[in-house]
N, C-alpha and C. Protein backbone atom coordinates (compact mmCIF):
# COMPACT_ATOMS: atom_id res chain seq x y z
N UNK A 1 0.75 -1.06 -0.44
CA UNK A 1 -0.20 0.05 0.05
C UNK A 1 0.85 0.99 0.25
N UNK A 2 0.44 1.92 -0.57
CA UNK A 2 1.48 3.40 -0.96
C UNK A 2 0.47 4.65 0.10
N UNK A 3 1.34 5.07 0.83
CA UNK A 3 1.21 5.90 1.99
C UNK A 3 0.62 6.98 1.60
N UNK A 4 -0.05 8.28 1.80
CA UNK A 4 -0.30 9.19 1.33
C UNK A 4 0.86 10.04 0.97
N UNK A 5 1.96 10.22 1.58
CA UNK A 5 2.64 10.92 1.41
C UNK A 5 3.58 10.45 0.29
N UNK A 6 3.84 9.63 0.03
CA UNK A 6 4.34 8.39 -0.74
C UNK A 6 4.30 9.20 -2.80
N UNK A 7 5.18 9.00 -3.08
CA UNK A 7 4.63 9.17 -4.44
C UNK A 7 4.85 7.10 -5.72
N UNK A 8 4.22 6.87 -6.17
CA UNK A 8 4.08 5.64 -6.11
C UNK A 8 5.68 5.42 -7.23
N UNK A 9 6.06 3.89 -6.89
CA UNK A 9 7.39 3.84 -7.46
C UNK A 9 7.21 3.65 -8.57
N UNK A 10 8.47 3.98 -9.70
CA UNK A 10 8.65 4.40 -10.91
C UNK A 10 10.00 3.07 -11.31
N UNK A 11 10.28 1.71 -10.79
CA UNK A 11 10.87 1.46 -11.21
C UNK A 11 11.56 0.31 -10.38
N UNK A 12 12.43 -0.32 -10.15
CA UNK A 12 12.81 -1.59 -9.06
C UNK A 12 14.37 -1.44 -9.35
N UNK A 13 14.80 -2.41 -8.25
CA UNK A 13 16.21 -2.00 -8.06
C UNK A 13 16.42 -3.52 -7.68
N UNK A 14 17.36 -4.16 -9.27
CA UNK A 14 18.25 -5.80 -8.66
C UNK A 14 19.58 -5.31 -8.41
N UNK A 15 20.22 -6.02 -7.38
CA UNK A 15 21.71 -6.70 -7.55
C UNK A 15 22.38 -4.95 -7.45
N UNK A 16 21.64 -4.22 -6.48
CA UNK A 16 22.11 -2.64 -6.46
C UNK A 16 22.04 -1.87 -8.16
N UNK A 17 21.37 -2.62 -8.45
CA UNK A 17 21.23 -1.65 -10.23
C UNK A 17 19.72 -1.27 -9.95
N UNK A 18 19.27 0.12 -10.78
CA UNK A 18 17.95 0.24 -10.96
C UNK A 18 17.51 0.10 -11.87
N UNK A 19 16.39 -0.51 -12.51
CA UNK A 19 15.33 -0.73 -13.59
C UNK A 19 14.39 0.62 -13.63
N UNK A 20 14.56 1.47 -14.37
CA UNK A 20 13.15 2.24 -14.38
C UNK A 20 12.16 1.58 -15.36
N UNK A 21 10.98 1.74 -14.65
CA UNK A 21 9.74 0.96 -15.31
C UNK A 21 8.60 1.91 -16.03
N UNK A 22 8.13 1.37 -16.72
CA UNK A 22 6.39 2.42 -16.97
C UNK A 22 5.36 1.22 -16.73
N UNK A 23 5.12 1.91 -15.72
CA UNK A 23 3.96 1.10 -14.79
C UNK A 23 2.95 1.44 -15.21
N UNK A 24 2.39 1.87 -16.42
CA UNK A 24 1.25 2.41 -17.26
C UNK A 24 0.13 1.14 -16.86
N UNK A 25 -1.13 1.01 -16.36
CA UNK A 25 -1.63 0.14 -16.34
C UNK A 25 -2.26 -0.72 -17.66
N UNK A 26 -1.70 -0.22 -18.75
CA UNK A 26 -2.04 -1.25 -19.56
C UNK A 26 -0.94 -2.29 -19.89
N UNK A 27 0.28 -1.67 -19.12
CA UNK A 27 1.69 -2.61 -19.51
C UNK A 27 1.27 -3.77 -18.46
N UNK A 28 0.58 -3.51 -17.57
CA UNK A 28 0.56 -4.51 -16.08
C UNK A 28 -0.32 -5.41 -16.75
N UNK A 29 -1.74 -5.23 -17.41
CA UNK A 29 -2.78 -5.76 -17.75
C UNK A 29 -1.76 -6.74 -19.07
N UNK A 30 -1.38 -6.48 -19.93
CA UNK A 30 -0.34 -7.02 -21.11
C UNK A 30 0.25 -8.12 -20.08
N UNK A 31 0.92 -7.92 -19.24
CA UNK A 31 1.83 -8.73 -18.09
C UNK A 31 0.88 -9.92 -17.89
N UNK A 32 -0.20 -9.37 -17.58
CA UNK A 32 -1.15 -10.44 -17.00
C UNK A 32 -1.36 -11.53 -17.79
N UNK A 33 -1.65 -11.05 -18.97
CA UNK A 33 -2.07 -12.09 -20.27
C UNK A 33 -0.80 -12.77 -20.32
N UNK A 34 0.02 -12.22 -20.41
CA UNK A 34 1.48 -13.32 -20.24
C UNK A 34 1.93 -14.37 -19.68
N UNK A 35 1.22 -13.89 -18.27
CA UNK A 35 1.29 -15.04 -17.30
C UNK A 35 0.64 -16.03 -17.22
N UNK A 36 -0.45 -15.66 -17.96
CA UNK A 36 -1.45 -16.84 -18.42
C UNK A 36 -0.74 -17.91 -19.25
N UNK A 37 0.30 -17.72 -20.79
CA UNK A 37 0.45 -18.53 -21.35
C UNK A 37 1.45 -19.39 -20.97
N UNK A 38 1.24 -20.95 -21.41
CA UNK A 38 1.02 -21.72 -21.31
C UNK A 38 2.18 -22.48 -22.34
N UNK A 39 2.11 -21.74 -23.31
CA UNK A 39 2.98 -21.79 -24.82
C UNK A 39 4.14 -21.49 -24.86
N UNK A 40 4.58 -20.61 -24.02
CA UNK A 40 5.95 -20.08 -23.55
C UNK A 40 7.06 -20.45 -22.75
N UNK A 41 8.03 -20.86 -22.97
CA UNK A 41 8.94 -21.35 -21.56
C UNK A 41 9.00 -20.48 -20.62
N UNK A 42 9.31 -20.79 -19.21
CA UNK A 42 9.02 -19.69 -18.60
C UNK A 42 10.34 -18.53 -18.11
N UNK A 43 11.61 -19.18 -18.62
CA UNK A 43 12.33 -18.06 -18.82
C UNK A 43 11.95 -17.10 -19.62
N UNK A 44 11.29 -17.55 -20.86
CA UNK A 44 11.22 -16.59 -22.11
C UNK A 44 9.77 -15.74 -21.35
N UNK A 45 8.88 -16.31 -20.69
CA UNK A 45 7.86 -15.62 -20.63
C UNK A 45 8.55 -14.54 -19.46
N UNK A 46 9.37 -14.84 -18.67
CA UNK A 46 9.91 -13.56 -17.64
C UNK A 46 10.42 -12.84 -18.30
N UNK A 47 10.88 -13.00 -19.26
CA UNK A 47 11.70 -11.70 -20.20
C UNK A 47 10.68 -11.23 -20.94
N UNK A 48 9.64 -11.66 -21.71
CA UNK A 48 8.74 -11.08 -22.11
C UNK A 48 7.67 -10.15 -21.33
N UNK A 49 7.75 -10.46 -20.09
CA UNK A 49 6.85 -9.84 -18.84
C UNK A 49 7.71 -8.41 -18.89
N UNK A 50 8.99 -8.81 -18.27
CA UNK A 50 10.05 -7.20 -18.14
C UNK A 50 10.02 -6.35 -19.57
N UNK A 51 10.03 -7.08 -20.46
CA UNK A 51 9.80 -6.21 -21.54
C UNK A 51 8.69 -5.39 -21.80
N UNK A 52 7.48 -5.63 -21.02
CA UNK A 52 6.06 -4.97 -20.80
C UNK A 52 6.79 -3.36 -20.56
N UNK A 53 7.50 -3.46 -19.37
CA UNK A 53 7.81 -2.28 -18.61
C UNK A 53 9.05 -1.61 -19.11
N UNK A 54 10.05 -2.74 -19.49
CA UNK A 54 11.58 -1.79 -19.94
C UNK A 54 11.63 -2.22 -21.23
N UNK A 55 11.35 -1.22 -22.20
CA UNK A 55 11.13 -1.71 -23.60
C UNK A 55 12.73 -2.02 -24.15
N UNK A 56 13.50 -1.64 -23.37
CA UNK A 56 14.98 -1.83 -24.18
C UNK A 56 15.90 -2.88 -23.44
N UNK A 57 15.04 -3.44 -22.84
CA UNK A 57 15.56 -4.56 -21.33
C UNK A 57 15.91 -5.58 -22.43
N UNK A 58 17.52 -6.01 -22.07
CA UNK A 58 18.31 -7.13 -22.85
C UNK A 58 18.89 -8.10 -22.32
N UNK A 59 18.95 -7.94 -20.80
CA UNK A 59 19.51 -8.98 -19.96
C UNK A 59 18.75 -9.89 -19.53
N UNK A 60 19.19 -11.02 -20.18
CA UNK A 60 18.16 -12.25 -20.24
C UNK A 60 18.65 -12.76 -19.07
N UNK A 61 19.85 -12.48 -18.89
CA UNK A 61 19.87 -13.98 -17.62
C UNK A 61 19.36 -13.17 -15.92
N UNK A 62 19.52 -11.74 -16.45
CA UNK A 62 18.64 -11.08 -15.01
C UNK A 62 17.30 -11.12 -15.33
N UNK A 63 16.20 -11.59 -16.17
CA UNK A 63 15.16 -11.31 -16.11
C UNK A 63 14.22 -12.01 -15.56
N UNK A 64 14.50 -13.06 -14.69
CA UNK A 64 13.44 -13.89 -14.05
C UNK A 64 13.89 -13.01 -12.34
N UNK A 65 14.78 -12.27 -12.18
CA UNK A 65 15.14 -11.79 -10.90
C UNK A 65 14.44 -10.74 -10.88
N UNK A 66 14.48 -10.00 -12.35
CA UNK A 66 13.87 -8.46 -12.22
C UNK A 66 12.30 -8.61 -12.64
N UNK A 67 11.79 -9.30 -13.24
CA UNK A 67 10.51 -9.94 -13.04
C UNK A 67 9.95 -10.61 -11.98
N UNK A 68 10.32 -10.95 -10.80
CA UNK A 68 9.86 -11.10 -9.33
C UNK A 68 10.07 -9.92 -8.75
N UNK A 69 10.88 -8.85 -8.88
CA UNK A 69 11.18 -7.49 -8.14
C UNK A 69 9.97 -6.82 -8.67
N UNK A 70 9.63 -6.92 -10.23
CA UNK A 70 8.45 -6.16 -10.66
C UNK A 70 7.16 -6.61 -9.74
N UNK A 71 6.88 -7.65 -10.05
CA UNK A 71 5.58 -8.48 -9.50
C UNK A 71 5.44 -8.31 -8.22
N UNK A 72 6.91 -7.70 -6.93
CA UNK A 72 6.57 -7.68 -5.70
C UNK A 72 6.08 -5.73 -5.55
N UNK A 73 6.65 -5.58 -6.37
CA UNK A 73 6.36 -3.76 -6.64
C UNK A 73 4.83 -3.92 -6.51
N UNK A 74 3.92 -4.56 -7.69
CA UNK A 74 3.13 -4.05 -8.24
C UNK A 74 1.78 -5.00 -7.65
N UNK A 75 2.14 -6.02 -6.76
CA UNK A 75 1.01 -6.74 -6.33
C UNK A 75 1.31 -7.31 -4.69
N UNK A 76 0.77 -6.89 -3.84
CA UNK A 76 0.61 -6.97 -2.50
C UNK A 76 0.57 -8.45 -2.67
N UNK A 77 1.09 -8.98 -1.04
CA UNK A 77 0.92 -10.26 -0.77
C UNK A 77 -0.20 -10.36 0.33
N UNK A 78 -1.09 -10.95 -0.12
CA UNK A 78 -2.31 -11.05 1.02
C UNK A 78 -2.99 -12.95 0.58
N UNK A 79 -3.45 -13.03 1.83
CA UNK A 79 -3.56 -14.48 1.93
C UNK A 79 -4.42 -14.71 1.07
N UNK A 80 -4.72 -16.05 0.69
CA UNK A 80 -5.77 -16.66 0.33
C UNK A 80 -6.85 -16.69 0.60
N UNK A 81 -8.22 -16.64 0.23
CA UNK A 81 -9.64 -16.19 0.58
C UNK A 81 -10.72 -17.60 0.30
N UNK A 82 -9.84 -18.08 -1.06
CA UNK A 82 -10.71 -19.10 -1.45
C UNK A 82 -12.02 -18.82 -1.83
N UNK A 83 -12.29 -17.39 -2.27
CA UNK A 83 -13.22 -17.19 -2.99
C UNK A 83 -13.32 -17.05 -4.10
N UNK A 84 -14.33 -17.22 -4.86
CA UNK A 84 -14.52 -17.08 -6.01
C UNK A 84 -14.21 -15.65 -6.89
N UNK A 85 -13.54 -15.93 -8.05
CA UNK A 85 -13.33 -14.85 -8.95
C UNK A 85 -14.29 -13.80 -9.25
N UNK A 86 -14.61 -12.66 -9.20
CA UNK A 86 -15.58 -11.91 -9.62
C UNK A 86 -15.63 -10.96 -10.73
N UNK A 87 -14.40 -10.58 -11.15
CA UNK A 87 -14.45 -9.63 -12.37
C UNK A 87 -12.98 -10.22 -13.24
N UNK A 88 -13.29 -9.73 -14.62
CA UNK A 88 -12.17 -10.11 -15.26
C UNK A 88 -12.08 -8.89 -16.20
N UNK A 89 -10.74 -8.64 -15.86
CA UNK A 89 -10.18 -7.17 -17.30
C UNK A 89 -10.10 -7.64 -18.18
N UNK A 90 -10.34 -9.04 -18.83
CA UNK A 90 -10.85 -9.04 -20.10
C UNK A 90 -12.35 -8.78 -20.68
N UNK A 91 -13.22 -10.15 -19.60
CA UNK A 91 -14.73 -9.74 -19.89
C UNK A 91 -14.77 -8.15 -19.87
N UNK A 92 -14.62 -8.07 -18.79
CA UNK A 92 -15.41 -6.44 -18.25
C UNK A 92 -14.66 -5.75 -18.74
N UNK A 93 -14.03 -5.51 -19.44
CA UNK A 93 -13.40 -4.10 -20.04
C UNK A 93 -13.99 -3.27 -20.30
N UNK A 94 -15.70 -3.78 -21.61
CA UNK A 94 -15.88 -2.60 -21.73
C UNK A 94 -16.96 -1.80 -20.48
N UNK A 95 -17.03 -2.78 -19.27
CA UNK A 95 -18.10 -2.14 -18.40
C UNK A 95 -17.31 -1.31 -17.16
N UNK A 96 -15.97 -1.47 -17.43
CA UNK A 96 -14.84 -0.78 -16.64
C UNK A 96 -14.75 0.48 -17.19
N UNK A 97 -14.24 0.67 -18.48
CA UNK A 97 -14.05 1.75 -19.36
C UNK A 97 -15.23 2.71 -19.17
N UNK A 98 -16.76 2.43 -19.51
CA UNK A 98 -17.90 3.04 -18.93
C UNK A 98 -17.93 3.33 -17.74
N UNK A 99 -17.36 2.60 -17.04
CA UNK A 99 -17.63 3.18 -15.27
C UNK A 99 -16.83 4.24 -14.69
N UNK A 100 -15.46 3.95 -15.57
CA UNK A 100 -14.59 4.97 -15.48
C UNK A 100 -14.78 6.51 -15.77
N UNK A 101 -15.16 6.10 -17.40
CA UNK A 101 -16.11 7.31 -17.79
C UNK A 101 -16.89 8.37 -17.25
N UNK A 102 -17.83 7.22 -16.37
CA UNK A 102 -19.26 7.60 -15.94
C UNK A 102 -18.78 8.18 -14.68
N UNK A 103 -17.94 8.15 -13.69
CA UNK A 103 -17.80 8.37 -12.11
C UNK A 103 -16.58 9.24 -12.63
N UNK A 104 -15.40 9.18 -13.52
CA UNK A 104 -14.20 9.72 -13.16
C UNK A 104 -13.84 10.75 -14.07
N UNK A 105 -14.62 10.40 -15.40
CA UNK A 105 -14.58 11.43 -16.27
C UNK A 105 -13.28 11.05 -16.86
N UNK A 106 -12.67 9.68 -16.77
CA UNK A 106 -11.43 9.06 -17.55
C UNK A 106 -11.81 8.54 -18.48
N UNK A 107 -11.42 8.47 -19.61
CA UNK A 107 -11.35 7.47 -20.83
C UNK A 107 -9.74 6.66 -21.03
N UNK A 108 -10.66 5.46 -20.93
CA UNK A 108 -9.56 4.41 -20.69
C UNK A 108 -8.45 4.12 -21.59
N UNK A 109 -9.22 4.74 -22.99
CA UNK A 109 -8.97 4.69 -24.58
C UNK A 109 -7.65 5.29 -24.44
N UNK A 110 -7.65 6.33 -23.92
CA UNK A 110 -6.56 7.93 -24.19
C UNK A 110 -5.57 8.28 -22.81
N UNK A 111 -6.28 8.23 -21.77
CA UNK A 111 -5.83 8.64 -20.85
C UNK A 111 -4.51 7.97 -20.07
N UNK A 112 -3.89 8.39 -19.36
CA UNK A 112 -2.60 7.55 -18.97
C UNK A 112 -2.59 7.31 -17.42
N UNK A 113 -2.73 6.38 -16.90
CA UNK A 113 -2.82 5.98 -15.57
C UNK A 113 -1.56 5.49 -15.25
N UNK A 114 -1.01 5.26 -14.22
CA UNK A 114 -0.45 4.18 -13.35
C UNK A 114 -1.43 3.30 -12.89
N UNK A 115 -0.28 1.70 -13.02
CA UNK A 115 -1.22 0.66 -12.15
C UNK A 115 -2.01 1.12 -10.69
N UNK A 116 -1.12 1.84 -10.23
CA UNK A 116 -1.45 1.89 -8.83
C UNK A 116 -2.83 2.96 -8.55
N UNK A 117 -3.06 3.87 -9.43
CA UNK A 117 -4.25 4.70 -9.46
C UNK A 117 -5.16 3.88 -10.31
N UNK A 118 -4.80 3.38 -11.29
CA UNK A 118 -5.68 2.54 -11.75
C UNK A 118 -6.37 1.45 -10.93
N UNK A 119 -6.04 0.88 -10.12
CA UNK A 119 -6.30 -0.27 -9.12
C UNK A 119 -7.05 0.58 -8.06
N UNK A 120 -6.58 1.72 -7.33
CA UNK A 120 -7.23 2.25 -6.37
C UNK A 120 -8.37 3.16 -6.99
N UNK A 121 -8.84 3.69 -8.34
CA UNK A 121 -9.51 3.99 -8.88
C UNK A 121 -10.96 2.88 -8.91
N UNK A 122 -10.62 1.57 -9.82
CA UNK A 122 -11.25 0.53 -9.79
C UNK A 122 -12.08 0.04 -8.44
N UNK A 123 -11.06 -0.04 -7.19
CA UNK A 123 -11.56 -0.33 -5.98
C UNK A 123 -12.35 0.72 -5.48
N UNK A 124 -12.37 1.48 -5.86
CA UNK A 124 -12.88 2.89 -5.30
C UNK A 124 -14.28 2.96 -6.03
N UNK A 125 -14.81 2.36 -6.94
CA UNK A 125 -15.62 2.87 -8.15
C UNK A 125 -17.33 2.78 -6.95
N UNK A 126 -17.79 3.49 -6.89
CA UNK A 126 -19.57 3.53 -5.98
C UNK A 126 -20.12 2.85 -6.64
N UNK A 127 -21.46 2.22 -6.37
CA UNK A 127 -22.64 1.81 -6.64
C UNK A 127 -23.16 3.19 -7.72
N UNK A 128 -24.02 1.98 -8.78
CA UNK A 128 -25.32 3.30 -9.50
C UNK A 128 -24.56 3.05 -11.03
N UNK A 129 -23.16 2.18 -11.21
CA UNK A 129 -22.82 1.85 -12.45
C UNK A 129 -22.89 0.38 -12.73
N UNK A 130 -23.01 0.10 -14.19
CA UNK A 130 -23.24 -1.17 -14.52
C UNK A 130 -22.26 -2.30 -13.90
N UNK A 131 -20.70 -1.40 -14.07
CA UNK A 131 -19.64 -2.89 -13.26
C UNK A 131 -19.99 -3.17 -12.29
N UNK A 132 -20.04 -2.30 -11.18
CA UNK A 132 -20.34 -2.78 -9.85
C UNK A 132 -22.05 -3.47 -9.44
N UNK A 133 -22.81 -2.89 -10.41
CA UNK A 133 -24.06 -4.08 -10.58
C UNK A 133 -23.61 -5.43 -11.13
N UNK A 134 -23.08 -5.62 -11.74
CA UNK A 134 -22.70 -7.18 -12.73
C UNK A 134 -21.54 -7.54 -11.13
N UNK A 135 -20.77 -7.03 -10.97
CA UNK A 135 -20.25 -7.54 -9.96
C UNK A 135 -20.65 -7.79 -8.54
N UNK A 136 -21.77 -7.05 -8.12
CA UNK A 136 -22.75 -7.12 -6.88
C UNK A 136 -23.33 -8.61 -7.01
N UNK A 137 -24.39 -8.63 -8.32
CA UNK A 137 -24.57 -9.70 -8.64
C UNK A 137 -24.06 -11.17 -8.90
N UNK A 138 -22.70 -10.81 -8.83
CA UNK A 138 -21.84 -12.10 -9.39
C UNK A 138 -21.34 -12.88 -7.74
N UNK A 139 -21.50 -11.64 -6.95
CA UNK A 139 -21.04 -11.73 -5.60
C UNK A 139 -22.12 -12.28 -4.67
N UNK A 140 -23.77 -11.73 -5.09
CA UNK A 140 -24.82 -12.53 -3.98
C UNK A 140 -24.91 -13.06 -3.78
N UNK A 141 -25.31 -13.80 -2.86
CA UNK A 141 -25.47 -15.22 -2.49
C UNK A 141 -27.04 -15.60 -2.75
N UNK A 142 -27.08 -17.14 -3.19
CA UNK A 142 -28.51 -17.49 -3.37
C UNK A 142 -28.92 -17.74 -2.27
N UNK A 143 -30.06 -17.19 -1.55
CA UNK A 143 -30.61 -17.28 -0.92
C UNK A 143 -31.53 -19.11 -0.54
N UNK A 144 -31.65 -19.99 0.79
CA UNK A 144 -32.11 -20.76 0.77
C UNK A 144 -33.38 -20.86 0.18
N UNK A 145 -34.00 -21.70 -0.05
CA UNK A 145 -35.62 -21.68 -1.02
C UNK A 145 -36.37 -21.83 0.60
N UNK A 146 -37.43 -20.87 -0.11
CA UNK A 146 -38.69 -20.75 1.11
C UNK A 146 -39.76 -20.61 -0.12
N UNK A 147 -41.03 -20.74 0.83
CA UNK A 147 -42.45 -20.86 -0.03
C UNK A 147 -42.49 -19.39 -0.29
N UNK A 148 -41.46 -18.49 0.15
CA UNK A 148 -41.96 -16.76 -0.37
C UNK A 148 -40.84 -16.36 -1.34
N UNK A 149 -39.89 -17.30 -1.50
CA UNK A 149 -38.70 -16.43 -2.31
C UNK A 149 -38.56 -17.58 -3.78
N UNK A 150 -39.14 -17.68 -4.24
CA UNK A 150 -39.54 -18.28 -5.68
C UNK A 150 -39.03 -17.49 -6.54
N UNK A 151 -39.68 -16.47 -6.76
CA UNK A 151 -39.31 -15.56 -7.92
C UNK A 151 -38.24 -14.96 -7.57
N UNK A 152 -37.59 -14.56 -6.54
CA UNK A 152 -36.27 -13.87 -6.21
C UNK A 152 -35.10 -15.20 -6.65
N UNK A 153 -35.51 -16.33 -6.21
CA UNK A 153 -34.35 -17.02 -6.46
C UNK A 153 -33.82 -17.33 -7.98
N UNK A 154 -35.41 -17.35 -8.92
CA UNK A 154 -35.22 -17.67 -10.17
C UNK A 154 -34.87 -16.26 -10.91
N UNK A 155 -35.09 -14.93 -10.36
CA UNK A 155 -34.24 -13.75 -11.22
C UNK A 155 -33.26 -13.64 -10.82
N UNK A 156 -32.23 -14.20 -9.64
CA UNK A 156 -31.14 -13.94 -9.26
C UNK A 156 -30.27 -14.82 -10.23
N UNK A 157 -30.93 -16.34 -10.01
CA UNK A 157 -30.12 -17.42 -11.16
C UNK A 157 -29.97 -17.06 -12.53
N UNK A 158 -30.91 -16.22 -12.83
CA UNK A 158 -30.86 -15.69 -14.30
C UNK A 158 -30.14 -15.04 -14.86
N UNK A 159 -29.88 -13.80 -13.65
CA UNK A 159 -29.03 -12.45 -13.65
C UNK A 159 -27.77 -13.44 -13.15
N UNK A 160 -27.36 -14.10 -13.10
CA UNK A 160 -25.71 -14.74 -12.71
C UNK A 160 -25.49 -15.25 -13.62
N UNK A 161 -26.67 -16.16 -14.47
CA UNK A 161 -26.02 -16.90 -15.90
C UNK A 161 -25.60 -15.62 -16.97
N UNK A 162 -26.45 -14.67 -16.83
CA UNK A 162 -26.24 -13.87 -17.67
C UNK A 162 -25.09 -12.95 -17.58
N UNK A 163 -24.80 -12.95 -16.25
CA UNK A 163 -23.32 -11.99 -16.36
C UNK A 163 -22.20 -13.04 -16.07
N UNK A 164 -22.46 -14.12 -16.13
CA UNK A 164 -21.13 -15.20 -15.37
C UNK A 164 -19.59 -15.14 -16.00
N UNK A 165 -19.00 -15.63 -15.21
CA UNK A 165 -17.29 -15.00 -16.01
C UNK A 165 -17.39 -16.83 -16.86
N UNK A 166 -16.65 -16.16 -17.62
CA UNK A 166 -15.88 -17.52 -18.78
C UNK A 166 -14.83 -17.85 -17.88
N UNK A 167 -14.63 -19.07 -17.53
CA UNK A 167 -13.96 -20.09 -17.24
C UNK A 167 -12.44 -20.14 -17.49
N UNK A 168 -11.68 -19.74 -17.12
CA UNK A 168 -10.10 -19.79 -17.60
C UNK A 168 -10.03 -21.62 -17.61
N UNK A 169 -9.01 -22.03 -18.39
CA UNK A 169 -8.68 -23.70 -18.76
C UNK A 169 -8.13 -24.35 -17.26
N UNK A 170 -7.35 -23.55 -16.64
CA UNK A 170 -7.04 -24.20 -15.24
C UNK A 170 -8.71 -24.15 -14.16
N UNK A 171 -9.36 -23.02 -14.02
CA UNK A 171 -10.66 -22.68 -13.42
C UNK A 171 -11.52 -24.20 -14.07
N UNK A 172 -11.32 -24.07 -15.52
CA UNK A 172 -12.35 -25.35 -16.12
C UNK A 172 -11.60 -26.53 -15.09
N UNK A 173 -10.82 -26.85 -15.28
CA UNK A 173 -9.99 -28.10 -15.18
C UNK A 173 -10.28 -28.37 -13.25
N UNK A 174 -9.80 -27.44 -12.63
CA UNK A 174 -10.18 -27.46 -11.39
C UNK A 174 -11.79 -27.67 -10.91
N UNK A 175 -12.62 -26.96 -11.85
CA UNK A 175 -14.13 -27.23 -11.85
C UNK A 175 -14.73 -28.87 -12.11
N UNK A 176 -13.99 -28.97 -12.92
CA UNK A 176 -13.61 -30.61 -13.43
C UNK A 176 -13.64 -31.67 -12.50
N UNK A 177 -12.48 -31.52 -11.79
CA UNK A 177 -11.94 -32.39 -10.79
C UNK A 177 -13.05 -31.93 -9.67
N UNK A 178 -13.43 -30.87 -8.95
CA UNK A 178 -14.36 -30.70 -7.99
C UNK A 178 -15.49 -31.58 -8.14
N UNK A 179 -16.24 -31.40 -9.55
CA UNK A 179 -17.49 -32.23 -9.64
C UNK A 179 -17.30 -33.71 -9.55
N UNK A 180 -16.36 -34.23 -10.39
CA UNK A 180 -15.97 -35.41 -10.06
C UNK A 180 -15.78 -36.06 -8.64
N UNK A 181 -14.95 -35.42 -7.76
CA UNK A 181 -15.23 -36.05 -6.55
C UNK A 181 -16.22 -35.85 -5.56
N UNK A 182 -17.10 -34.37 -6.12
CA UNK A 182 -18.60 -34.58 -5.98
C UNK A 182 -19.49 -35.84 -6.01
N UNK A 183 -19.81 -36.49 -7.00
CA UNK A 183 -20.05 -37.27 -7.89
C UNK A 183 -19.38 -38.62 -6.96
N UNK A 184 -18.44 -38.70 -7.03
CA UNK A 184 -17.79 -40.03 -6.26
C UNK A 184 -18.30 -39.76 -4.80
N UNK A 185 -18.07 -38.95 -4.14
CA UNK A 185 -18.81 -39.10 -2.54
C UNK A 185 -19.94 -39.39 -2.59
N UNK A 186 -20.76 -38.72 -3.67
CA UNK A 186 -22.56 -39.26 -3.63
C UNK A 186 -22.47 -40.59 -3.87
N UNK A 187 -21.63 -41.27 -4.90
CA UNK A 187 -21.90 -42.51 -5.11
C UNK A 187 -21.57 -43.46 -3.99
N UNK A 188 -20.71 -43.22 -3.26
CA UNK A 188 -20.11 -43.61 -2.36
C UNK A 188 -21.11 -43.63 -1.20
N UNK A 189 -21.61 -42.32 -1.20
CA UNK A 189 -22.65 -42.49 0.13
C UNK A 189 -23.44 -43.41 0.09
N UNK A 190 -24.13 -43.91 -0.98
CA UNK A 190 -25.48 -44.53 -1.78
C UNK A 190 -25.01 -45.78 -1.55
N UNK A 191 -23.45 -46.31 -1.77
CA UNK A 191 -23.08 -47.71 -1.27
C UNK A 191 -23.89 -48.21 -0.03
N UNK A 192 -23.98 -49.70 -0.06
CA UNK A 192 -24.27 -50.37 1.41
C UNK A 192 -23.09 -50.53 2.13
N UNK A 193 -23.38 -50.59 3.23
CA UNK A 193 -22.50 -50.45 4.26
C UNK A 193 -21.25 -51.88 4.12
N UNK A 194 -21.36 -52.47 4.06
CA UNK A 194 -20.98 -53.88 3.40
C UNK A 194 -20.14 -53.66 2.42
N UNK A 195 -20.40 -53.20 1.16
CA UNK A 195 -19.41 -52.82 0.19
C UNK A 195 -18.36 -51.98 0.60
N UNK A 196 -19.03 -50.87 1.51
CA UNK A 196 -17.78 -50.05 1.52
C UNK A 196 -17.01 -50.66 2.76
N UNK A 197 -17.06 -51.62 3.41
CA UNK A 197 -16.47 -51.96 4.42
C UNK A 197 -15.07 -53.35 3.18
N UNK A 198 -15.80 -54.00 2.24
CA UNK A 198 -14.94 -54.87 1.53
C UNK A 198 -13.75 -53.77 0.85
N UNK A 199 -14.19 -52.40 0.66
CA UNK A 199 -13.14 -51.72 -0.12
C UNK A 199 -12.62 -51.13 0.66
N UNK A 200 -12.78 -50.98 2.07
CA UNK A 200 -11.85 -50.19 2.90
C UNK A 200 -12.28 -48.94 3.44
N UNK A 201 -13.38 -48.83 2.94
CA UNK A 201 -14.00 -47.06 3.04
C UNK A 201 -14.48 -47.10 4.63
């Protein structure tokens, strides 16, 4: 977190050498896309990620160290909450651009923002714009069914389907494993006690 009396960083220091970086939010989003690529060798991916911020960077041997230093500056280390993902910079890009224009009069196509400014403004968006509405629908828990809330549940289910995030390959694989485990556990629960004991369950 950047304190109110501090200026955002403009580079990283690795082994006593300072590397000036362009931390424009677009460069960070490009790096996040590269980080998801599995068709690039890790060392090459680290180098390409560094080049997002230092266009003249050529030190292949120190690329991984500089990459880690950049990540330490850009992303705060927070404990894993295990919660579901509520937004996507790719899928929600039109909504984010519209919200910034509506709330801050900022044109994300043309105006320059550092990643630190962009992140703070994104987190500070108030209610009353479509982006926050969509995130709110994704985060809203489905109430337990009662004889009074059938219409509410139906509306929320349909709304969640309309704004659902597309799963990444990793998320889809994780969901598949989770679904298989649930099915197996359900089948196991249906087995007679004698069969479970024979299988050592």
